[in-house]
């Protein structure tokens, strides 16, 4: 079993705004993942919005919607990073492999093609017990780890000046 590490500390040029997308296919697992992610984001003092989708396949699509929405509404607040949370549990068929592979590839493609800071917290496991162990903030806290990965990538984007200056005006 892995050891839980010390929480990361973040210093930002500008406090980021993060989109958290959670798949609610397994509610207990989703609750744990979201709790862990929110704790990291709150500790870092960043703002965030949580969006819910039915399953892991819809997570990359929701992120793409947020990115593309800026083409239609330039005044809307842009997200500086994205946290993807969900679980894919092995079943009797290969469906879990397809969902896990397509979701992960979708996130990677989005990150590479759109220069996005994405923390991948989509669990791919054999059993519900494994999912709960990995999702539980008191145990392996993969939701928190995904939020930390997102914030580390936001920091890197800021370092390379890949995040535009704020022009958002609240409505």
C-alpha atoms as a PDB file:
ATOM      1  CA  UNK A   1       0.000   0.000   0.000  1.00  0.00           C
ATOM      2  CA  UNK A   2       1.253   3.477  -0.886  1.00  0.00           C
ATOM      3  CA  UNK A   3       2.146   6.041   1.752  1.00  0.00           C
ATOM      4  CA  UNK A   4       0.205   9.291   1.775  1.00  0.00           C
ATOM      5  CA  UNK A   5       2.559  12.201   1.133  1.00  0.00           C
ATOM      6  CA  UNK A   6       2.569  15.704   2.557  1.00  0.00           C
ATOM      7  CA  UNK A   7       0.202  18.170   0.878  1.00  0.00           C
ATOM      8  CA  UNK A   8       1.779  20.357  -1.786  1.00  0.00           C
ATOM      9  CA  UNK A   9       2.032  24.088  -1.260  1.00  0.00           C
ATOM     10  CA  UNK A  10       1.345  26.382  -4.185  1.00  0.00           C
ATOM     11  CA  UNK A  11       2.364  29.930  -5.035  1.00  0.00           C
ATOM     12  CA  UNK A  12       0.551  31.505  -7.954  1.00  0.00           C
ATOM     13  CA  UNK A  13       1.074  34.716  -9.914  1.00  0.00           C
ATOM     14  CA  UNK A  14      -2.720  34.984 -10.068  1.00  0.00           C
ATOM     15  CA  UNK A  15      -5.060  32.658  -8.181  1.00  0.00           C
ATOM     16  CA  UNK A  16      -6.383  30.159 -10.732  1.00  0.00           C
ATOM     17  CA  UNK A  17      -9.979  29.324 -11.493  1.00  0.00           C
ATOM     18  CA  UNK A  18     -10.500  25.552 -11.905  1.00  0.00           C
ATOM     19  CA  UNK A  19     -13.210  23.407 -13.451  1.00  0.00           C
ATOM     20  CA  UNK A  20     -13.887  20.157 -11.597  1.00  0.00           C
ATOM     21  CA  UNK A  21     -15.771  17.566 -13.643  1.00  0.00           C
ATOM     22  CA  UNK A  22     -17.091  14.616 -11.691  1.00  0.00           C
ATOM     23  CA  UNK A  23     -18.684  11.481 -13.111  1.00  0.00           C
ATOM     24  CA  UNK A  24     -21.465  10.299 -10.794  1.00  0.00           C
ATOM     25  CA  UNK A  25     -21.718   6.734 -12.089  1.00  0.00           C
ATOM     26  CA  UNK A  26     -20.597   5.420  -8.676  1.00  0.00           C
ATOM     27  CA  UNK A  27     -21.896   7.924  -6.125  1.00  0.00           C
ATOM     28  CA  UNK A  28     -19.872   6.717  -3.117  1.00  0.00           C
ATOM     29  CA  UNK A  29     -16.631   6.835  -5.069  1.00  0.00           C
ATOM     30  CA  UNK A  30     -17.519  10.213  -6.614  1.00  0.00           C
ATOM     31  CA  UNK A  31     -18.264  11.671  -3.173  1.00  0.00           C
ATOM     32  CA  UNK A  32     -14.817  10.657  -1.910  1.00  0.00           C
ATOM     33  CA  UNK A  33     -12.993  11.888  -5.021  1.00  0.00           C
ATOM     34  CA  UNK A  34     -14.761  15.242  -4.882  1.00  0.00           C
ATOM     35  CA  UNK A  35     -14.094  15.660  -1.156  1.00  0.00           C
ATOM     36  CA  UNK A  36     -10.368  15.069  -1.700  1.00  0.00           C
ATOM     37  CA  UNK A  37     -10.173  17.416  -4.688  1.00  0.00           C
ATOM     38  CA  UNK A  38     -12.086  20.203  -2.916  1.00  0.00           C
ATOM     39  CA  UNK A  39      -9.800  19.954   0.129  1.00  0.00           C
ATOM     40  CA  UNK A  40      -6.708  20.527  -2.024  1.00  0.00           C
ATOM     41  CA  UNK A  41      -8.310  23.368  -3.995  1.00  0.00           C
ATOM     42  CA  UNK A  42      -9.581  25.042  -0.808  1.00  0.00           C
ATOM     43  CA  UNK A  43      -6.180  24.691   0.877  1.00  0.00           C
ATOM     44  CA  UNK A  44      -4.552  26.311  -2.173  1.00  0.00           C
ATOM     45  CA  UNK A  45      -7.069  29.164  -2.041  1.00  0.00           C
ATOM     46  CA  UNK A  46      -8.203  28.823  -5.645  1.00  0.00           C
ATOM     47  CA  UNK A  47     -11.711  29.300  -6.980  1.00  0.00           C
ATOM     48  CA  UNK A  48     -13.467  26.428  -8.686  1.00  0.00           C
ATOM     49  CA  UNK A  49     -16.753  25.289 -10.167  1.00  0.00           C
ATOM     50  CA  UNK A  50     -18.005  21.702 -10.035  1.00  0.00           C
ATOM     51  CA  UNK A  51     -19.843  20.147 -12.963  1.00  0.00           C
ATOM     52  CA  UNK A  52     -21.426  16.700 -12.924  1.00  0.00           C
ATOM     53  CA  UNK A  53     -21.602  14.307 -15.858  1.00  0.00           C
ATOM     54  CA  UNK A  54     -23.121  10.811 -16.028  1.00  0.00           C
ATOM     55  CA  UNK A  55     -19.919   8.816 -16.558  1.00  0.00           C
ATOM     56  CA  UNK A  56     -16.214   8.894 -17.346  1.00  0.00           C
ATOM     57  CA  UNK A  57     -16.762   9.039 -21.121  1.00  0.00           C
ATOM     58  CA  UNK A  58     -18.462  12.413 -20.759  1.00  0.00           C
ATOM     59  CA  UNK A  59     -15.643  14.072 -18.789  1.00  0.00           C
ATOM     60  CA  UNK A  60     -13.438  15.039 -21.765  1.00  0.00           C
ATOM     61  CA  UNK A  61     -16.528  16.283 -23.622  1.00  0.00           C
ATOM     62  CA  UNK A  62     -17.521  18.550 -20.719  1.00  0.00           C
ATOM     63  CA  UNK A  63     -14.015  20.029 -20.620  1.00  0.00           C
ATOM     64  CA  UNK A  64     -14.099  20.599 -24.378  1.00  0.00           C
ATOM     65  CA  UNK A  65     -17.465  22.374 -24.008  1.00  0.00           C
ATOM     66  CA  UNK A  66     -15.916  24.753 -21.469  1.00  0.00           C
ATOM     67  CA  UNK A  67     -12.956  25.465 -23.751  1.00  0.00           C
ATOM     68  CA  UNK A  68     -15.086  25.957 -26.857  1.00  0.00           C
ATOM     69  CA  UNK A  69     -17.603  28.152 -25.030  1.00  0.00           C
ATOM     70  CA  UNK A  70     -15.000  30.921 -25.031  1.00  0.00           C
ATOM     71  CA  UNK A  71     -15.399  31.063 -28.827  1.00  0.00           C
ATOM     72  CA  UNK A  72     -19.001  32.178 -28.282  1.00  0.00           C
ATOM     73  CA  UNK A  73     -18.749  34.163 -25.051  1.00  0.00           C
ATOM     74  CA  UNK A  74     -15.423  35.949 -24.736  1.00  0.00           C
ATOM     75  CA  UNK A  75     -16.494  37.628 -21.496  1.00  0.00           C
ATOM     76  CA  UNK A  76     -17.110  34.328 -19.692  1.00  0.00           C
ATOM     77  CA  UNK A  77     -14.486  33.503 -17.085  1.00  0.00           C
ATOM     78  CA  UNK A  78     -11.907  31.111 -18.453  1.00  0.00           C
ATOM     79  CA  UNK A  79     -10.744  28.087 -16.483  1.00  0.00           C
ATOM     80  CA  UNK A  80      -7.019  27.912 -15.798  1.00  0.00           C
ATOM     81  CA  UNK A  81      -7.096  24.198 -14.987  1.00  0.00           C
ATOM     82  CA  UNK A  82      -9.315  21.148 -14.998  1.00  0.00           C
ATOM     83  CA  UNK A  83      -9.770  18.247 -12.586  1.00  0.00           C
ATOM     84  CA  UNK A  84     -11.337  15.050 -13.961  1.00  0.00           C
ATOM     85  CA  UNK A  85     -12.892  12.724 -11.365  1.00  0.00           C
ATOM     86  CA  UNK A  86     -14.563   9.368 -11.940  1.00  0.00           C
ATOM     87  CA  UNK A  87     -14.242   5.618 -11.710  1.00  0.00           C
ATOM     88  CA  UNK A  88     -14.251   2.775 -14.186  1.00  0.00           C
ATOM     89  CA  UNK A  89     -14.650  -0.626 -12.538  1.00  0.00           C
ATOM     90  CA  UNK A  90     -13.967  -3.906 -14.331  1.00  0.00           C
ATOM     91  CA  UNK A  91     -17.021  -5.825 -15.404  1.00  0.00           C
ATOM     92  CA  UNK A  92     -17.769  -9.045 -17.240  1.00  0.00           C
ATOM     93  CA  UNK A  93     -16.923  -7.578 -20.648  1.00  0.00           C
ATOM     94  CA  UNK A  94     -14.208  -5.323 -22.099  1.00  0.00           C
ATOM     95  CA  UNK A  95     -16.400  -2.239 -21.735  1.00  0.00           C
ATOM     96  CA  UNK A  96     -14.376  -1.009 -18.757  1.00  0.00           C
ATOM     97  CA  UNK A  97     -11.165  -1.104 -20.813  1.00  0.00           C
ATOM     98  CA  UNK A  98     -12.763   0.854 -23.630  1.00  0.00           C
ATOM     99  CA  UNK A  99     -14.210   3.487 -21.280  1.00  0.00           C
ATOM    100  CA  UNK A 100     -10.946   3.830 -19.350  1.00  0.00           C
ATOM    101  CA  UNK A 101      -8.796   4.051 -22.477  1.00  0.00           C
ATOM    102  CA  UNK A 102     -11.072   6.456 -24.343  1.00  0.00           C
ATOM    103  CA  UNK A 103     -11.508   8.751 -21.312  1.00  0.00           C
ATOM    104  CA  UNK A 104      -7.786   8.887 -20.594  1.00  0.00           C
ATOM    105  CA  UNK A 105      -6.898   9.405 -24.253  1.00  0.00           C
ATOM    106  CA  UNK A 106      -9.549  12.118 -24.494  1.00  0.00           C
ATOM    107  CA  UNK A 107      -8.024  14.007 -21.564  1.00  0.00           C
ATOM    108  CA  UNK A 108      -4.495  13.648 -22.955  1.00  0.00           C
ATOM    109  CA  UNK A 109      -5.588  14.823 -26.395  1.00  0.00           C
ATOM    110  CA  UNK A 110      -7.336  17.856 -24.887  1.00  0.00           C
ATOM    111  CA  UNK A 111      -4.272  18.735 -22.831  1.00  0.00           C
ATOM    112  CA  UNK A 112      -1.900  18.432 -25.785  1.00  0.00           C
ATOM    113  CA  UNK A 113      -4.031  20.102 -28.432  1.00  0.00           C
ATOM    114  CA  UNK A 114      -5.318  22.953 -26.269  1.00  0.00           C
ATOM    115  CA  UNK A 115      -2.435  23.453 -23.799  1.00  0.00           C
ATOM    116  CA  UNK A 116      -4.688  22.592 -20.841  1.00  0.00           C
ATOM    117  CA  UNK A 117      -3.653  21.858 -17.263  1.00  0.00           C
ATOM    118  CA  UNK A 118      -5.603  18.693 -16.470  1.00  0.00           C
ATOM    119  CA  UNK A 119      -5.413  16.542 -13.359  1.00  0.00           C
ATOM    120  CA  UNK A 120      -6.626  13.042 -14.210  1.00  0.00           C
ATOM    121  CA  UNK A 121      -8.522  11.489 -11.322  1.00  0.00           C
ATOM    122  CA  UNK A 122     -10.355   8.818 -13.306  1.00  0.00           C
ATOM    123  CA  UNK A 123      -9.773   5.558 -11.468  1.00  0.00           C
ATOM    124  CA  UNK A 124      -9.514   2.326 -13.453  1.00  0.00           C
ATOM    125  CA  UNK A 125      -9.813  -0.585 -11.045  1.00  0.00           C
ATOM    126  CA  UNK A 126     -10.900  -4.195 -10.755  1.00  0.00           C
ATOM    127  CA  UNK A 127     -13.269  -3.898  -7.775  1.00  0.00           C
ATOM    128  CA  UNK A 128     -15.409  -1.444  -5.867  1.00  0.00           C
ATOM    129  CA  UNK A 129     -13.165  -1.990  -2.840  1.00  0.00           C
ATOM    130  CA  UNK A 130     -10.139  -0.820  -4.841  1.00  0.00           C
ATOM    131  CA  UNK A 131     -12.091   2.216  -6.055  1.00  0.00           C
ATOM    132  CA  UNK A 132     -13.123   3.196  -2.525  1.00  0.00           C
ATOM    133  CA  UNK A 133      -9.582   2.741  -1.185  1.00  0.00           C
ATOM    134  CA  UNK A 134      -8.148   4.964  -3.916  1.00  0.00           C
ATOM    135  CA  UNK A 135     -10.909   7.577  -3.687  1.00  0.00           C
ATOM    136  CA  UNK A 136     -11.079   7.919   0.112  1.00  0.00           C
ATOM    137  CA  UNK A 137      -9.315  11.138   1.230  1.00  0.00           C
ATOM    138  CA  UNK A 138      -8.198   9.364   4.416  1.00  0.00           C
ATOM    139  CA  UNK A 139      -6.520   6.616   2.410  1.00  0.00           C
ATOM    140  CA  UNK A 140      -5.004   7.055  -1.091  1.00  0.00           C
ATOM    141  CA  UNK A 141      -6.872  10.298  -1.955  1.00  0.00           C
ATOM    142  CA  UNK A 142      -6.709  10.156  -5.745  1.00  0.00           C
ATOM    143  CA  UNK A 143      -9.149  13.094  -5.985  1.00  0.00           C
ATOM    144  CA  UNK A 144      -6.707  15.220  -4.018  1.00  0.00           C
ATOM    145  CA  UNK A 145      -3.829  13.936  -6.145  1.00  0.00           C
ATOM    146  CA  UNK A 146      -5.685  14.934  -9.332  1.00  0.00           C
ATOM    147  CA  UNK A 147      -6.291  18.436  -7.959  1.00  0.00           C
ATOM    148  CA  UNK A 148      -2.600  18.727  -7.013  1.00  0.00           C
ATOM    149  CA  UNK A 149      -1.547  17.592 -10.499  1.00  0.00           C
ATOM    150  CA  UNK A 150      -3.840  20.196 -12.046  1.00  0.00           C
ATOM    151  CA  UNK A 151      -2.426  22.972  -9.851  1.00  0.00           C
ATOM    152  CA  UNK A 152       1.160  21.911 -10.548  1.00  0.00           C
ATOM    153  CA  UNK A 153       0.462  22.136 -14.271  1.00  0.00           C
ATOM    154  CA  UNK A 154      -1.217  25.550 -13.799  1.00  0.00           C
ATOM    155  CA  UNK A 155       1.955  26.689 -12.031  1.00  0.00           C
ATOM    156  CA  UNK A 156       4.005  25.448 -14.965  1.00  0.00           C
ATOM    157  CA  UNK A 157       1.724  27.241 -17.438  1.00  0.00           C
ATOM    158  CA  UNK A 158       2.116  30.441 -15.444  1.00  0.00           C
ATOM    159  CA  UNK A 159       5.887  29.986 -15.454  1.00  0.00           C
ATOM    160  CA  UNK A 160       5.880  29.769 -19.249  1.00  0.00           C
ATOM    161  CA  UNK A 161       3.328  32.617 -19.487  1.00  0.00           C
ATOM    162  CA  UNK A 162       0.704  30.418 -21.136  1.00  0.00           C
ATOM    163  CA  UNK A 163      -2.184  31.782 -19.061  1.00  0.00           C
ATOM    164  CA  UNK A 164      -3.627  35.035 -20.393  1.00  0.00           C
ATOM    165  CA  UNK A 165      -3.962  38.066 -18.164  1.00  0.00           C
ATOM    166  CA  UNK A 166      -7.348  38.366 -16.480  1.00  0.00           C
ATOM    167  CA  UNK A 167      -9.927  40.259 -18.468  1.00  0.00           C
ATOM    168  CA  UNK A 168     -12.955  38.622 -16.936  1.00  0.00           C
ATOM    169  CA  UNK A 169     -15.651  40.901 -15.604  1.00  0.00           C
ATOM    170  CA  UNK A 170     -18.337  39.316 -13.455  1.00  0.00           C
ATOM    171  CA  UNK A 171     -21.876  39.511 -14.721  1.00  0.00           C
END
